[in-house]
Amino acid sequence: MITHIVFFRLKDQSAANLAATKEKLLSMNGKIPQLRHLEVGVDVIRSERSYDLALVTRFDSLEDLQAYQVHPYHEGEILPYMKSVTAASAAVDYAG
């Protein structure tokens, strides 16, 4: 099992934009066959070091994660949207 976690800091941190971005990420559910788990959370602490959103996804293998990265829905819908609303991001991928 491979877990892929991405933290996003948004340019516009309004409640409406946070909700819209969360829904956009959740829209991957059922559209990408390799995606075994999808979770999106909005930060509740809002500290100086916090990111605004966390995306947690899980895949059966590293190959499935790589297929997700180039899947047409991820590449054509999610990535352009996220690039337009994100000020910074950080990712961790691990097996276990």
Protein backbone atom coordinates (compact mmCIF):
# COMPACT_ATOMS: atom_id res chain seq x y z
CA MET A 1 0.00 0.00 0.00
CA ILE A 2 1.29 3.46 -0.94
CA THR A 3 -0.02 6.54 0.86
CA HIS A 4 0.22 9.90 -0.92
CA ILE A 5 -0.36 12.98 1.25
CA VAL A 6 -0.38 16.55 -0.06
CA PHE A 7 -0.78 19.71 2.01
CA PHE A 8 -2.03 22.84 0.25
CA ARG A 9 -1.82 26.48 1.28
CA LEU A 10 -4.38 28.41 -0.74
CA LYS A 11 -4.07 31.93 -2.14
CA ASP A 12 -7.64 32.69 -1.05
CA GLN A 13 -8.30 31.18 2.37
CA SER A 14 -11.96 32.15 2.54
CA ALA A 15 -14.45 29.55 3.74
CA ALA A 16 -16.10 29.48 0.31
CA ASN A 17 -12.81 28.80 -1.49
CA LEU A 18 -11.77 26.15 1.03
CA ALA A 19 -15.11 24.37 0.53
CA ALA A 20 -14.91 24.62 -3.27
CA THR A 21 -11.36 23.28 -3.32
CA LYS A 22 -12.24 20.43 -0.99
CA GLU A 23 -15.15 19.47 -3.26
CA LYS A 24 -12.93 19.65 -6.34
CA LEU A 25 -10.45 17.22 -4.77
CA LEU A 26 -13.26 14.92 -3.63
CA SER A 27 -14.59 14.88 -7.19
CA MET A 28 -11.82 12.37 -8.03
CA ASN A 29 -13.78 9.71 -6.12
CA GLY A 30 -14.98 7.05 -8.57
CA LYS A 31 -13.22 8.63 -11.56
CA ILE A 32 -9.72 7.19 -11.10
CA PRO A 33 -9.73 3.37 -10.80
CA GLN A 34 -6.34 3.14 -9.04
CA LEU A 35 -7.51 5.37 -6.19
CA ARG A 36 -8.28 3.08 -3.22
CA HIS A 37 -8.85 5.77 -0.57
CA LEU A 38 -9.58 9.48 -0.80
CA GLU A 39 -9.82 11.88 2.12
CA VAL A 40 -9.69 15.68 2.20
CA GLY A 41 -9.55 17.69 5.40
CA VAL A 42 -9.65 21.42 6.12
CA ASP A 43 -7.29 22.63 8.83
CA VAL A 44 -9.06 23.63 12.05
CA ILE A 45 -6.08 25.03 14.00
CA ARG A 46 -5.12 27.78 11.51
CA SER A 47 -1.69 28.33 13.08
CA GLU A 48 1.15 30.18 11.40
CA ARG A 49 2.72 26.88 10.25
CA SER A 50 -0.54 25.25 9.14
CA TYR A 51 -1.51 24.41 5.61
CA ASP A 52 -5.16 24.91 4.65
CA LEU A 53 -6.07 21.50 3.20
CA ALA A 54 -4.75 17.97 3.43
CA LEU A 55 -5.29 15.38 0.70
CA VAL A 56 -4.77 11.76 1.73
CA THR A 57 -4.90 9.10 -0.99
CA ARG A 58 -3.94 5.42 -0.99
CA PHE A 59 -2.94 3.08 -3.79
CA ASP A 60 -2.17 -0.64 -4.06
CA SER A 61 1.28 0.00 -5.56
CA LEU A 62 3.76 2.61 -6.66
CA GLU A 63 2.71 1.86 -10.24
CA ASP A 64 -0.90 2.72 -9.35
CA LEU A 65 0.24 6.03 -7.81
CA GLN A 66 2.14 6.79 -11.00
CA ALA A 67 -0.93 5.92 -13.12
CA TYR A 68 -3.02 8.27 -10.93
CA GLN A 69 -0.55 11.10 -11.52
CA VAL A 70 -1.06 10.90 -15.31
CA HIS A 71 -4.76 9.92 -15.31
CA PRO A 72 -6.69 12.28 -17.64
CA TYR A 73 -9.05 13.48 -14.87
CA HIS A 74 -6.18 14.19 -12.47
CA GLU A 75 -3.98 15.78 -15.12
CA GLY A 76 -6.73 17.62 -17.00
CA GLU A 77 -9.09 18.74 -14.21
CA ILE A 78 -7.47 18.55 -10.79
CA LEU A 79 -3.91 19.73 -11.45
CA PRO A 80 -4.86 22.88 -13.43
CA TYR A 81 -7.43 23.85 -10.79
CA MET A 82 -5.04 23.23 -7.90
CA LYS A 83 -2.25 25.18 -9.59
CA SER A 84 -4.62 28.13 -10.00
CA VAL A 85 -5.65 28.25 -6.32
CA THR A 86 -2.50 27.07 -4.51
CA ALA A 87 0.17 29.34 -3.06
CA ALA A 88 2.30 26.45 -1.70
CA SER A 89 2.16 22.69 -1.29
CA ALA A 90 4.15 19.86 0.27
CA ALA A 91 3.87 16.12 -0.33
CA VAL A 92 4.89 12.85 1.30
CA ASP A 93 4.62 9.41 -0.30
CA TYR A 94 5.30 6.31 1.78
CA ALA A 95 4.82 2.55 1.74
CA GLY A 96 3.21 0.73 4.59
